[in-house]
Amino acid sequence: PEGDFSIDEVNFAMLHGFVPISLGNSRLRTETAGLMAVAMAQ
């Protein structure tokens, strides 16, 4: 969300095999980050 995941949520995801990533140097809104991730993956 706009306030980011909680740090506990990030750690929980990492425990379940999710790798922490960056989408670049800019701080993006949720919908912009989502579209950026889809475009990169595509």
Full PDB file with SEQRES, HELIX, SHEET, SSBOND, CRYST1, ORIGX, SCALE, CONECT and MASTER records, all heavy atoms in Angstrom:
SEQRES   1 A   42  PRO GLU GLY ASP PHE SER ILE ASP GLU VAL ASN PHE ALA          
SEQRES   2 A   42  MET LEU HIS GLY PHE VAL PRO ILE SER LEU GLY ASN SER          
SEQRES   3 A   42  ARG LEU ARG THR GLU THR ALA GLY LEU MET ALA VAL ALA          
SEQRES   4 A   42  MET ALA GLN                                                  
HELIX    1 AA1 ILE A    7  LEU A   15  1                                   9    
HELIX    2 AA2 THR A   30  ALA A   41  1                                  12    
CRYST1    1.000    1.000    1.000  90.00  90.00  90.00 P 1           1          
ORIGX1      1.000000  0.000000  0.000000        0.00000                         
ORIGX2      0.000000  1.000000  0.000000        0.00000                         
ORIGX3      0.000000  0.000000  1.000000        0.00000                         
SCALE1      1.000000  0.000000  0.000000        0.00000                         
SCALE2      0.000000  1.000000  0.000000        0.00000                         
SCALE3      0.000000  0.000000  1.000000        0.00000                         
ATOM      1  N   PRO A   1       0.834  -1.209   0.000  1.00  0.00           N  
ATOM      2  CA  PRO A   1       0.000   0.000   0.000  1.00  0.00           C  
ATOM      3  C   PRO A   1       0.864   1.253   0.000  1.00  0.00           C  
ATOM      4  O   PRO A   1       2.100   1.172   0.035  1.00  0.00           O  
ATOM      5  CB  PRO A   1      -0.788  -0.144   1.300  1.00  0.00           C  
ATOM      6  CG  PRO A   1       0.123  -0.919   2.202  1.00  0.00           C  
ATOM      7  CD  PRO A   1       0.846  -1.891   1.295  1.00  0.00           C  
ATOM      8  N   GLU A   2       0.232   2.411  -0.030  1.00  0.00           N  
ATOM      9  CA  GLU A   2       0.970   3.682  -0.066  1.00  0.00           C  
ATOM     10  C   GLU A   2       1.921   3.819   1.129  1.00  0.00           C  
ATOM     11  O   GLU A   2       2.977   4.413   1.017  1.00  0.00           O  
ATOM     12  CB  GLU A   2      -0.009   4.858  -0.091  1.00  0.00           C  
ATOM     13  CG  GLU A   2      -0.826   4.958  -1.375  1.00  0.00           C  
ATOM     14  CD  GLU A   2       0.035   5.225  -2.603  1.00  0.00           C  
ATOM     15  OE1 GLU A   2       1.147   5.768  -2.469  1.00  0.00           O  
ATOM     16  OE2 GLU A   2      -0.402   4.881  -3.716  1.00  0.00           O  
ATOM     17  N   GLY A   3       1.559   3.250   2.261  1.00  0.00           N  
ATOM     18  CA  GLY A   3       2.432   3.299   3.429  1.00  0.00           C  
ATOM     19  C   GLY A   3       3.433   2.167   3.488  1.00  0.00           C  
ATOM     20  O   GLY A   3       4.116   1.992   4.489  1.00  0.00           O  
ATOM     21  N   ASP A   4       3.524   1.380   2.432  1.00  0.00           N  
ATOM     22  CA  ASP A   4       4.422   0.234   2.293  1.00  0.00           C  
ATOM     23  C   ASP A   4       3.920  -0.941   3.153  1.00  0.00           C  
ATOM     24  O   ASP A   4       3.014  -0.796   3.978  1.00  0.00           O  
ATOM     25  CB  ASP A   4       5.857   0.590   2.690  1.00  0.00           C  
ATOM     26  CG  ASP A   4       6.905  -0.297   2.013  1.00  0.00           C  
ATOM     27  OD1 ASP A   4       6.520  -1.328   1.430  1.00  0.00           O  
ATOM     28  OD2 ASP A   4       8.086   0.059   2.051  1.00  0.00           O  
ATOM     29  N   PHE A   5       4.487  -2.097   2.900  1.00  0.00           N  
ATOM     30  CA  PHE A   5       4.259  -3.225   3.785  1.00  0.00           C  
ATOM     31  C   PHE A   5       4.840  -2.880   5.151  1.00  0.00           C  
ATOM     32  O   PHE A   5       5.737  -2.041   5.268  1.00  0.00           O  
ATOM     33  CB  PHE A   5       4.970  -4.475   3.258  1.00  0.00           C  
ATOM     34  CG  PHE A   5       4.451  -4.992   1.952  1.00  0.00           C  
ATOM     35  CD1 PHE A   5       5.228  -4.941   0.801  1.00  0.00           C  
ATOM     36  CD2 PHE A   5       3.179  -5.542   1.866  1.00  0.00           C  
ATOM     37  CE1 PHE A   5       4.761  -5.436  -0.406  1.00  0.00           C  
ATOM     38  CE2 PHE A   5       2.695  -6.027   0.663  1.00  0.00           C  
ATOM     39  CZ  PHE A   5       3.482  -5.975  -0.476  1.00  0.00           C  
ATOM     40  N   SER A   6       4.356  -3.530   6.190  1.00  0.00           N  
ATOM     41  CA  SER A   6       5.034  -3.402   7.479  1.00  0.00           C  
ATOM     42  C   SER A   6       6.329  -4.208   7.397  1.00  0.00           C  
ATOM     43  O   SER A   6       6.469  -5.119   6.574  1.00  0.00           O  
ATOM     44  CB  SER A   6       4.149  -3.937   8.611  1.00  0.00           C  
ATOM     45  OG  SER A   6       4.060  -5.352   8.550  1.00  0.00           O  
ATOM     46  N   ILE A   7       7.285  -3.881   8.236  1.00  0.00           N  
ATOM     47  CA  ILE A   7       8.549  -4.613   8.209  1.00  0.00           C  
ATOM     48  C   ILE A   7       8.339  -6.074   8.599  1.00  0.00           C  
ATOM     49  O   ILE A   7       9.032  -6.977   8.106  1.00  0.00           O  
ATOM     50  CB  ILE A   7       9.595  -3.915   9.120  1.00  0.00           C  
ATOM     51  CG1 ILE A   7      11.004  -4.423   8.764  1.00  0.00           C  
ATOM     52  CG2 ILE A   7       9.262  -4.123  10.580  1.00  0.00           C  
ATOM     53  CD1 ILE A   7      12.103  -3.547   9.305  1.00  0.00           C  
ATOM     54  N   ASP A   8       7.355  -6.321   9.452  1.00  0.00           N  
ATOM     55  CA  ASP A   8       7.034  -7.708   9.809  1.00  0.00           C  
ATOM     56  C   ASP A   8       6.503  -8.475   8.598  1.00  0.00           C  
ATOM     57  O   ASP A   8       6.793  -9.666   8.435  1.00  0.00           O  
ATOM     58  CB  ASP A   8       6.000  -7.749  10.937  1.00  0.00           C  
ATOM     59  CG  ASP A   8       6.583  -7.315  12.273  1.00  0.00           C  
ATOM     60  OD1 ASP A   8       7.831  -7.362  12.418  1.00  0.00           O  
ATOM     61  OD2 ASP A   8       5.799  -6.932  13.163  1.00  0.00           O  
ATOM     62  N   GLU A   9       5.723  -7.796   7.761  1.00  0.00           N  
ATOM     63  CA  GLU A   9       5.200  -8.447   6.557  1.00  0.00           C  
ATOM     64  C   GLU A   9       6.326  -8.777   5.579  1.00  0.00           C  
ATOM     65  O   GLU A   9       6.333  -9.852   4.962  1.00  0.00           O  
ATOM     66  CB  GLU A   9       4.153  -7.553   5.890  1.00  0.00           C  
ATOM     67  CG  GLU A   9       2.831  -7.512   6.649  1.00  0.00           C  
ATOM     68  CD  GLU A   9       1.872  -6.476   6.106  1.00  0.00           C  
ATOM     69  OE1 GLU A   9       2.338  -5.444   5.543  1.00  0.00           O  
ATOM     70  OE2 GLU A   9       0.652  -6.670   6.251  1.00  0.00           O  
ATOM     71  N   VAL A  10       7.268  -7.871   5.440  1.00  0.00           N  
ATOM     72  CA  VAL A  10       8.410  -8.135   4.557  1.00  0.00           C  
ATOM     73  C   VAL A  10       9.185  -9.345   5.069  1.00  0.00           C  
ATOM     74  O   VAL A  10       9.542 -10.256   4.300  1.00  0.00           O  
ATOM     75  CB  VAL A  10       9.333  -6.904   4.456  1.00  0.00           C  
ATOM     76  CG1 VAL A  10      10.569  -7.241   3.614  1.00  0.00           C  
ATOM     77  CG2 VAL A  10       8.592  -5.724   3.841  1.00  0.00           C  
ATOM     78  N   ASN A  11       9.443  -9.385   6.356  1.00  0.00           N  
ATOM     79  CA  ASN A  11      10.180 -10.520   6.930  1.00  0.00           C  
ATOM     80  C   ASN A  11       9.397 -11.828   6.779  1.00  0.00           C  
ATOM     81  O   ASN A  11       9.978 -12.886   6.500  1.00  0.00           O  
ATOM     82  CB  ASN A  11      10.481 -10.264   8.410  1.00  0.00           C  
ATOM     83  CG  ASN A  11      11.577  -9.228   8.605  1.00  0.00           C  
ATOM     84  OD1 ASN A  11      12.524  -9.163   7.821  1.00  0.00           O  
ATOM     85  ND2 ASN A  11      11.455  -8.407   9.640  1.00  0.00           N  
ATOM     86  N   PHE A  12       8.081 -11.749   6.943  1.00  0.00           N  
ATOM     87  CA  PHE A  12       7.234 -12.933   6.790  1.00  0.00           C  
ATOM     88  C   PHE A  12       7.308 -13.454   5.352  1.00  0.00           C  
ATOM     89  O   PHE A  12       7.418 -14.666   5.122  1.00  0.00           O  
ATOM     90  CB  PHE A  12       5.793 -12.590   7.155  1.00  0.00           C  
ATOM     91  CG  PHE A  12       4.844 -13.753   7.115  1.00  0.00           C  
ATOM     92  CD1 PHE A  12       4.774 -14.646   8.165  1.00  0.00           C  
ATOM     93  CD2 PHE A  12       4.017 -13.947   6.010  1.00  0.00           C  
ATOM     94  CE1 PHE A  12       3.893 -15.736   8.127  1.00  0.00           C  
ATOM     95  CE2 PHE A  12       3.139 -15.027   5.961  1.00  0.00           C  
ATOM     96  CZ  PHE A  12       3.077 -15.920   7.017  1.00  0.00           C  
ATOM     97  N   ALA A  13       7.263 -12.540   4.397  1.00  0.00           N  
ATOM     98  CA  ALA A  13       7.357 -12.943   2.995  1.00  0.00           C  
ATOM     99  C   ALA A  13       8.712 -13.579   2.696  1.00  0.00           C  
ATOM    100  O   ALA A  13       8.800 -14.581   1.969  1.00  0.00           O  
ATOM    101  CB  ALA A  13       7.124 -11.732   2.094  1.00  0.00           C  
ATOM    102  N   MET A  14       9.769 -13.002   3.250  1.00  0.00           N  
ATOM    103  CA  MET A  14      11.110 -13.559   3.023  1.00  0.00           C  
ATOM    104  C   MET A  14      11.214 -14.976   3.584  1.00  0.00           C  
ATOM    105  O   MET A  14      11.854 -15.847   2.984  1.00  0.00           O  
ATOM    106  CB  MET A  14      12.158 -12.639   3.650  1.00  0.00           C  
ATOM    107  CG  MET A  14      12.288 -11.289   2.935  1.00  0.00           C  
ATOM    108  SD  MET A  14      13.333 -10.090   3.846  1.00  0.00           S  
ATOM    109  CE  MET A  14      14.909 -10.958   3.869  1.00  0.00           C  
ATOM    110  N   LEU A  15      10.582 -15.210   4.734  1.00  0.00           N  
ATOM    111  CA  LEU A  15      10.592 -16.549   5.312  1.00  0.00           C  
ATOM    112  C   LEU A  15       9.889 -17.559   4.407  1.00  0.00           C  
ATOM    113  O   LEU A  15      10.143 -18.761   4.486  1.00  0.00           O  
ATOM    114  CB  LEU A  15       9.920 -16.536   6.689  1.00  0.00           C  
ATOM    115  CG  LEU A  15      10.712 -15.896   7.828  1.00  0.00           C  
ATOM    116  CD1 LEU A  15       9.848 -15.830   9.092  1.00  0.00           C  
ATOM    117  CD2 LEU A  15      11.987 -16.702   8.109  1.00  0.00           C  
ATOM    118  N   HIS A  16       8.994 -17.066   3.547  1.00  0.00           N  
ATOM    119  CA  HIS A  16       8.257 -17.940   2.637  1.00  0.00           C  
ATOM    120  C   HIS A  16       8.805 -17.874   1.210  1.00  0.00           C  
ATOM    121  O   HIS A  16       8.109 -18.201   0.245  1.00  0.00           O  
ATOM    122  CB  HIS A  16       6.774 -17.566   2.659  1.00  0.00           C  
ATOM    123  CG  HIS A  16       6.066 -18.009   3.911  1.00  0.00           C  
ATOM    124  ND1 HIS A  16       6.147 -17.297   5.087  1.00  0.00           N  
ATOM    125  CD2 HIS A  16       5.295 -19.100   4.178  1.00  0.00           C  
ATOM    126  CE1 HIS A  16       5.442 -17.919   6.019  1.00  0.00           C  
ATOM    127  NE2 HIS A  16       4.915 -19.011   5.499  1.00  0.00           N  
ATOM    128  N   GLY A  17      10.057 -17.457   1.080  1.00  0.00           N  
ATOM    129  CA  GLY A  17      10.734 -17.559  -0.209  1.00  0.00           C  
ATOM    130  C   GLY A  17      10.628 -16.364  -1.128  1.00  0.00           C  
ATOM    131  O   GLY A  17      11.097 -16.421  -2.267  1.00  0.00           O  
ATOM    132  N   PHE A  18      10.052 -15.264  -0.664  1.00  0.00           N  
ATOM    133  CA  PHE A  18       9.955 -14.066  -1.496  1.00  0.00           C  
ATOM    134  C   PHE A  18      11.260 -13.271  -1.392  1.00  0.00           C  
ATOM    135  O   PHE A  18      11.769 -13.038  -0.293  1.00  0.00           O  
ATOM    136  CB  PHE A  18       8.776 -13.196  -1.075  1.00  0.00           C  
ATOM    137  CG  PHE A  18       7.451 -13.724  -1.530  1.00  0.00           C  
ATOM    138  CD1 PHE A  18       6.813 -14.745  -0.837  1.00  0.00           C  
ATOM    139  CD2 PHE A  18       6.832 -13.211  -2.664  1.00  0.00           C  
ATOM    140  CE1 PHE A  18       5.588 -15.251  -1.258  1.00  0.00           C  
ATOM    141  CE2 PHE A  18       5.610 -13.704  -3.098  1.00  0.00           C  
ATOM    142  CZ  PHE A  18       4.983 -14.721  -2.389  1.00  0.00           C  
ATOM    143  N   VAL A  19      11.782 -12.858  -2.518  1.00  0.00           N  
ATOM    144  CA  VAL A  19      13.041 -12.125  -2.578  1.00  0.00           C  
ATOM    145  C   VAL A  19      12.764 -10.618  -2.570  1.00  0.00           C  
ATOM    146  O   VAL A  19      11.970 -10.139  -3.384  1.00  0.00           O  
ATOM    147  CB  VAL A  19      13.824 -12.503  -3.847  1.00  0.00           C  
ATOM    148  CG1 VAL A  19      15.115 -11.695  -3.951  1.00  0.00           C  
ATOM    149  CG2 VAL A  19      14.119 -14.002  -3.861  1.00  0.00           C  
ATOM    150  N   PRO A  20      13.397  -9.850  -1.684  1.00  0.00           N  
ATOM    151  CA  PRO A  20      13.181  -8.394  -1.643  1.00  0.00           C  
ATOM    152  C   PRO A  20      13.773  -7.727  -2.894  1.00  0.00           C  
ATOM    153  O   PRO A  20      14.920  -8.000  -3.266  1.00  0.00           O  
ATOM    154  CB  PRO A  20      13.930  -7.949  -0.389  1.00  0.00           C  
ATOM    155  CG  PRO A  20      14.141  -9.189   0.405  1.00  0.00           C  
ATOM    156  CD  PRO A  20      14.273 -10.292  -0.588  1.00  0.00           C  
ATOM    157  N   ILE A  21      13.002  -6.849  -3.513  1.00  0.00           N  
ATOM    158  CA  ILE A  21      13.450  -6.201  -4.756  1.00  0.00           C  
ATOM    159  C   ILE A  21      13.228  -4.700  -4.711  1.00  0.00           C  
ATOM    160  O   ILE A  21      12.425  -4.178  -3.936  1.00  0.00           O  
ATOM    161  CB  ILE A  21      12.716  -6.761  -5.985  1.00  0.00           C  
ATOM    162  CG1 ILE A  21      11.197  -6.619  -5.802  1.00  0.00           C  
ATOM    163  CG2 ILE A  21      13.141  -8.187  -6.283  1.00  0.00           C  
ATOM    164  CD1 ILE A  21      10.408  -6.802  -7.074  1.00  0.00           C  
ATOM    165  N   SER A  22      13.945  -4.033  -5.611  1.00  0.00           N  
ATOM    166  CA  SER A  22      13.748  -2.607  -5.879  1.00  0.00           C  
ATOM    167  C   SER A  22      13.286  -2.458  -7.316  1.00  0.00           C  
ATOM    168  O   SER A  22      13.713  -3.200  -8.206  1.00  0.00           O  
ATOM    169  CB  SER A  22      15.059  -1.848  -5.665  1.00  0.00           C  
ATOM    170  OG  SER A  22      14.974  -0.545  -6.199  1.00  0.00           O  
ATOM    171  N   LEU A  23      12.424  -1.472  -7.554  1.00  0.00           N  
ATOM    172  CA  LEU A  23      11.958  -1.175  -8.907  1.00  0.00           C  
ATOM    173  C   LEU A  23      12.636   0.072  -9.465  1.00  0.00           C  
ATOM    174  O   LEU A  23      12.190   0.646 -10.453  1.00  0.00           O  
ATOM    175  CB  LEU A  23      10.433  -0.983  -8.912  1.00  0.00           C  
ATOM    176  CG  LEU A  23       9.615  -2.212  -8.504  1.00  0.00           C  
ATOM    177  CD1 LEU A  23       8.141  -1.850  -8.373  1.00  0.00           C  
ATOM    178  CD2 LEU A  23       9.800  -3.341  -9.501  1.00  0.00           C  
ATOM    179  N   GLY A  24      13.733   0.490  -8.824  1.00  0.00           N  
ATOM    180  CA  GLY A  24      14.453   1.675  -9.276  1.00  0.00           C  
ATOM    181  C   GLY A  24      14.672   2.639  -8.127  1.00  0.00           C  
ATOM    182  O   GLY A  24      14.355   2.347  -6.966  1.00  0.00           O  
ATOM    183  N   ASN A  25      15.198   3.809  -8.445  1.00  0.00           N  
ATOM    184  CA  ASN A  25      15.549   4.794  -7.413  1.00  0.00           C  
ATOM    185  C   ASN A  25      14.394   5.690  -6.993  1.00  0.00           C  
ATOM    186  O   ASN A  25      14.465   6.348  -5.957  1.00  0.00           O  
ATOM    187  CB  ASN A  25      16.712   5.658  -7.907  1.00  0.00           C  
ATOM    188  CG  ASN A  25      17.983   4.856  -8.125  1.00  0.00           C  
ATOM    189  OD1 ASN A  25      18.264   3.916  -7.383  1.00  0.00           O  
ATOM    190  ND2 ASN A  25      18.749   5.213  -9.157  1.00  0.00           N  
ATOM    191  N   SER A  26      13.355   5.752  -7.798  1.00  0.00           N  
ATOM    192  CA  SER A  26      12.220   6.632  -7.484  1.00  0.00           C  
ATOM    193  C   SER A  26      11.262   5.958  -6.505  1.00  0.00           C  
ATOM    194  O   SER A  26      11.100   4.733  -6.518  1.00  0.00           O  
ATOM    195  CB  SER A  26      11.461   7.002  -8.760  1.00  0.00           C  
ATOM    196  OG  SER A  26      12.292   7.695  -9.663  1.00  0.00           O  
ATOM    197  N   ARG A  27      10.624   6.758  -5.682  1.00  0.00           N  
ATOM    198  CA  ARG A  27       9.595   6.241  -4.780  1.00  0.00           C  
ATOM    199  C   ARG A  27       8.262   6.316  -5.528  1.00  0.00           C  
ATOM    200  O   ARG A  27       7.791   7.397  -5.862  1.00  0.00           O  
ATOM    201  CB  ARG A  27       9.546   7.065  -3.494  1.00  0.00           C  
ATOM    202  CG  ARG A  27       8.756   6.400  -2.371  1.00  0.00           C  
ATOM    203  CD  ARG A  27       8.868   7.217  -1.095  1.00  0.00           C  
ATOM    204  NE  ARG A  27       8.175   6.574   0.014  1.00  0.00           N  
ATOM    205  CZ  ARG A  27       8.725   5.701   0.843  1.00  0.00           C  
ATOM    206  NH1 ARG A  27       9.983   5.362   0.681  1.00  0.00           N  
ATOM    207  NH2 ARG A  27       8.025   5.173   1.827  1.00  0.00           N  
ATOM    208  N   LEU A  28       7.660   5.178  -5.808  1.00  0.00           N  
ATOM    209  CA  LEU A  28       6.509   5.102  -6.694  1.00  0.00           C  
ATOM    210  C   LEU A  28       5.204   4.908  -5.927  1.00  0.00           C  
ATOM    211  O   LEU A  28       5.171   4.276  -4.876  1.00  0.00           O  
ATOM    212  CB  LEU A  28       6.684   3.934  -7.669  1.00  0.00           C  
ATOM    213  CG  LEU A  28       7.965   3.923  -8.500  1.00  0.00           C  
ATOM    214  CD1 LEU A  28       8.045   2.627  -9.315  1.00  0.00           C  
ATOM    215  CD2 LEU A  28       8.020   5.139  -9.427  1.00  0.00           C  
ATOM    216  N   ARG A  29       4.124   5.441  -6.492  1.00  0.00           N  
ATOM    217  CA  ARG A  29       2.804   5.138  -5.977  1.00  0.00           C  
ATOM    218  C   ARG A  29       2.493   3.662  -6.228  1.00  0.00           C  
ATOM    219  O   ARG A  29       3.089   3.025  -7.098  1.00  0.00           O  
ATOM    220  CB  ARG A  29       1.743   6.005  -6.658  1.00  0.00           C  
ATOM    221  CG  ARG A  29       1.776   7.472  -6.244  1.00  0.00           C  
ATOM    222  CD  ARG A  29       0.628   8.222  -6.910  1.00  0.00           C  
ATOM    223  NE  ARG A  29       0.586   9.620  -6.535  1.00  0.00           N  
ATOM    224  CZ  ARG A  29      -0.006  10.101  -5.453  1.00  0.00           C  
ATOM    225  NH1 ARG A  29      -0.618   9.260  -4.628  1.00  0.00           N  
ATOM    226  NH2 ARG A  29       0.000  11.380  -5.180  1.00  0.00           N  
ATOM    227  N   THR A  30       1.539   3.140  -5.490  1.00  0.00           N  
ATOM    228  CA  THR A  30       1.209   1.718  -5.596  1.00  0.00           C  
ATOM    229  C   THR A  30       0.881   1.316  -7.023  1.00  0.00           C  
ATOM    230  O   THR A  30       1.423   0.335  -7.549  1.00  0.00           O  
ATOM    231  CB  THR A  30       0.023   1.377  -4.671  1.00  0.00           C  
ATOM    232  OG1 THR A  30       0.415   1.558  -3.307  1.00  0.00           O  
ATOM    233  CG2 THR A  30      -0.433  -0.060  -4.871  1.00  0.00           C  
ATOM    234  N   GLU A  31      -0.018   2.052  -7.673  1.00  0.00           N  
ATOM    235  CA  GLU A  31      -0.432   1.653  -9.017  1.00  0.00           C  
ATOM    236  C   GLU A  31       0.696   1.820 -10.035  1.00  0.00           C  
ATOM    237  O   GLU A  31       0.818   1.035 -10.993  1.00  0.00           O  
ATOM    238  CB  GLU A  31      -1.685   2.430  -9.473  1.00  0.00           C  
ATOM    239  CG  GLU A  31      -1.482   3.885  -9.807  1.00  0.00           C  
ATOM    240  CD  GLU A  31      -1.485   4.806  -8.600  1.00  0.00           C  
ATOM    241  OE1 GLU A  31      -1.443   4.302  -7.454  1.00  0.00           O  
ATOM    242  OE2 GLU A  31      -1.547   6.031  -8.804  1.00  0.00           O  
ATOM    243  N   THR A  32       1.569   2.824  -9.828  1.00  0.00           N  
ATOM    244  CA  THR A  32       2.716   3.000 -10.720  1.00  0.00           C  
ATOM    245  C   THR A  32       3.710   1.862 -10.542  1.00  0.00           C  
ATOM    246  O   THR A  32       4.250   1.332 -11.515  1.00  0.00           O  
ATOM    247  CB  THR A  32       3.408   4.343 -10.450  1.00  0.00           C  
ATOM    248  OG1 THR A  32       2.439   5.389 -10.429  1.00  0.00           O  
ATOM    249  CG2 THR A  32       4.440   4.643 -11.518  1.00  0.00           C  
ATOM    250  N   ALA A  33       3.957   1.493  -9.290  1.00  0.00           N  
ATOM    251  CA  ALA A  33       4.872   0.385  -9.008  1.00  0.00           C  
ATOM    252  C   ALA A  33       4.343  -0.917  -9.608  1.00  0.00           C  
ATOM    253  O   ALA A  33       5.106  -1.706 -10.183  1.00  0.00           O  
ATOM    254  CB  ALA A  33       5.062   0.232  -7.498  1.00  0.00           C  
ATOM    255  N   GLY A  34       3.044  -1.146  -9.493  1.00  0.00           N  
ATOM    256  CA  GLY A  34       2.449  -2.347 -10.063  1.00  0.00           C  
ATOM    257  C   GLY A  34       2.612  -2.411 -11.567  1.00  0.00           C  
ATOM    258  O   GLY A  34       2.985  -3.459 -12.126  1.00  0.00           O  
ATOM    259  N   LEU A  35       2.361  -1.297 -12.225  1.00  0.00           N  
ATOM    260  CA  LEU A  35       2.491  -1.271 -13.682  1.00  0.00           C  
ATOM    261  C   LEU A  35       3.947  -1.402 -14.097  1.00  0.00           C  
ATOM    262  O   LEU A  35       4.270  -2.090 -15.086  1.00  0.00           O  
ATOM    263  CB  LEU A  35       1.899   0.026 -14.234  1.00  0.00           C  
ATOM    264  CG  LEU A  35       1.738   0.067 -15.755  1.00  0.00           C  
ATOM    265  CD1 LEU A  35       0.790  -1.027 -16.231  1.00  0.00           C  
ATOM    266  CD2 LEU A  35       1.243   1.430 -16.205  1.00  0.00           C  
ATOM    267  N   MET A  36       4.851  -0.779 -13.364  1.00  0.00           N  
ATOM    268  CA  MET A  36       6.275  -0.891 -13.644  1.00  0.00           C  
ATOM    269  C   MET A  36       6.725  -2.352 -13.527  1.00  0.00           C  
ATOM    270  O   MET A  36       7.466  -2.863 -14.390  1.00  0.00           O  
ATOM    271  CB  MET A  36       7.076  -0.033 -12.671  1.00  0.00           C  
ATOM    272  CG  MET A  36       8.587  -0.139 -12.849  1.00  0.00           C  
ATOM    273  SD  MET A  36       9.198   0.816 -14.232  1.00  0.00           S  
ATOM    274  CE  MET A  36       9.295   2.437 -13.461  1.00  0.00           C  
ATOM    275  N   ALA A  37       6.267  -3.042 -12.497  1.00  0.00           N  
ATOM    276  CA  ALA A  37       6.650  -4.439 -12.305  1.00  0.00           C  
ATOM    277  C   ALA A  37       6.147  -5.310 -13.447  1.00  0.00           C  
ATOM    278  O   ALA A  37       6.869  -6.174 -13.948  1.00  0.00           O  
ATOM    279  CB  ALA A  37       6.101  -4.948 -10.967  1.00  0.00           C  
ATOM    280  N   VAL A  38       4.904  -5.092 -13.879  1.00  0.00           N  
ATOM    281  CA  VAL A  38       4.357  -5.870 -14.995  1.00  0.00           C  
ATOM    282  C   VAL A  38       5.137  -5.597 -16.273  1.00  0.00           C  
ATOM    283  O   VAL A  38       5.478  -6.526 -17.027  1.00  0.00           O  
ATOM    284  CB  VAL A  38       2.862  -5.549 -15.195  1.00  0.00           C  
ATOM    285  CG1 VAL A  38       2.351  -6.141 -16.519  1.00  0.00           C  
ATOM    286  CG2 VAL A  38       2.035  -6.093 -14.035  1.00  0.00           C  
ATOM    287  N   ALA A  39       5.448  -4.322 -16.531  1.00  0.00           N  
ATOM    288  CA  ALA A  39       6.192  -3.970 -17.741  1.00  0.00           C  
ATOM    289  C   ALA A  39       7.583  -4.603 -17.738  1.00  0.00           C  
ATOM    290  O   ALA A  39       8.048  -5.123 -18.771  1.00  0.00           O  
ATOM    291  CB  ALA A  39       6.285  -2.448 -17.870  1.00  0.00           C  
ATOM    292  N   MET A  40       8.275  -4.558 -16.614  1.00  0.00           N  
ATOM    293  CA  MET A  40       9.597  -5.159 -16.507  1.00  0.00           C  
ATOM    294  C   MET A  40       9.540  -6.661 -16.753  1.00  0.00           C  
ATOM    295  O   MET A  40      10.347  -7.233 -17.489  1.00  0.00           O  
ATOM    296  CB  MET A  40      10.207  -4.876 -15.136  1.00  0.00           C  
ATOM    297  CG  MET A  40      10.656  -3.448 -14.917  1.00  0.00           C  
ATOM    298  SD  MET A  40      11.347  -3.246 -13.255  1.00  0.00           S  
ATOM    299  CE  MET A  40      11.907  -1.542 -13.324  1.00  0.00           C  
ATOM    300  N   ALA A  41       8.564  -7.312 -16.121  1.00  0.00           N  
ATOM    301  CA  ALA A  41       8.428  -8.755 -16.298  1.00  0.00           C  
ATOM    302  C   ALA A  41       8.082  -9.101 -17.740  1.00  0.00           C  
ATOM    303  O   ALA A  41       8.609 -10.062 -18.315  1.00  0.00           O  
ATOM    304  CB  ALA A  41       7.353  -9.295 -15.353  1.00  0.00           C  
ATOM    305  N   GLN A  42       7.232  -8.303 -18.337  1.00  0.00           N  
ATOM    306  CA  GLN A  42       6.844  -8.535 -19.735  1.00  0.00           C  
ATOM    307  C   GLN A  42       8.042  -8.441 -20.668  1.00  0.00           C  
ATOM    308  O   GLN A  42       8.241  -9.281 -21.551  1.00  0.00           O  
ATOM    309  CB  GLN A  42       5.785  -7.505 -20.132  1.00  0.00           C  
ATOM    310  CG  GLN A  42       5.363  -7.497 -21.564  1.00  0.00           C  
ATOM    311  CD  GLN A  42       4.684  -8.761 -22.022  1.00  0.00           C  
ATOM    312  OE1 GLN A  42       5.024  -9.312 -23.050  1.00  0.00           O  
ATOM    313  NE2 GLN A  42       3.703  -9.237 -21.256  1.00  0.00           N  
TER     314      GLN A  42                                                      
MASTER        0    0    0    2    0    0    0    6  313    1    0    4          
END                                                                             
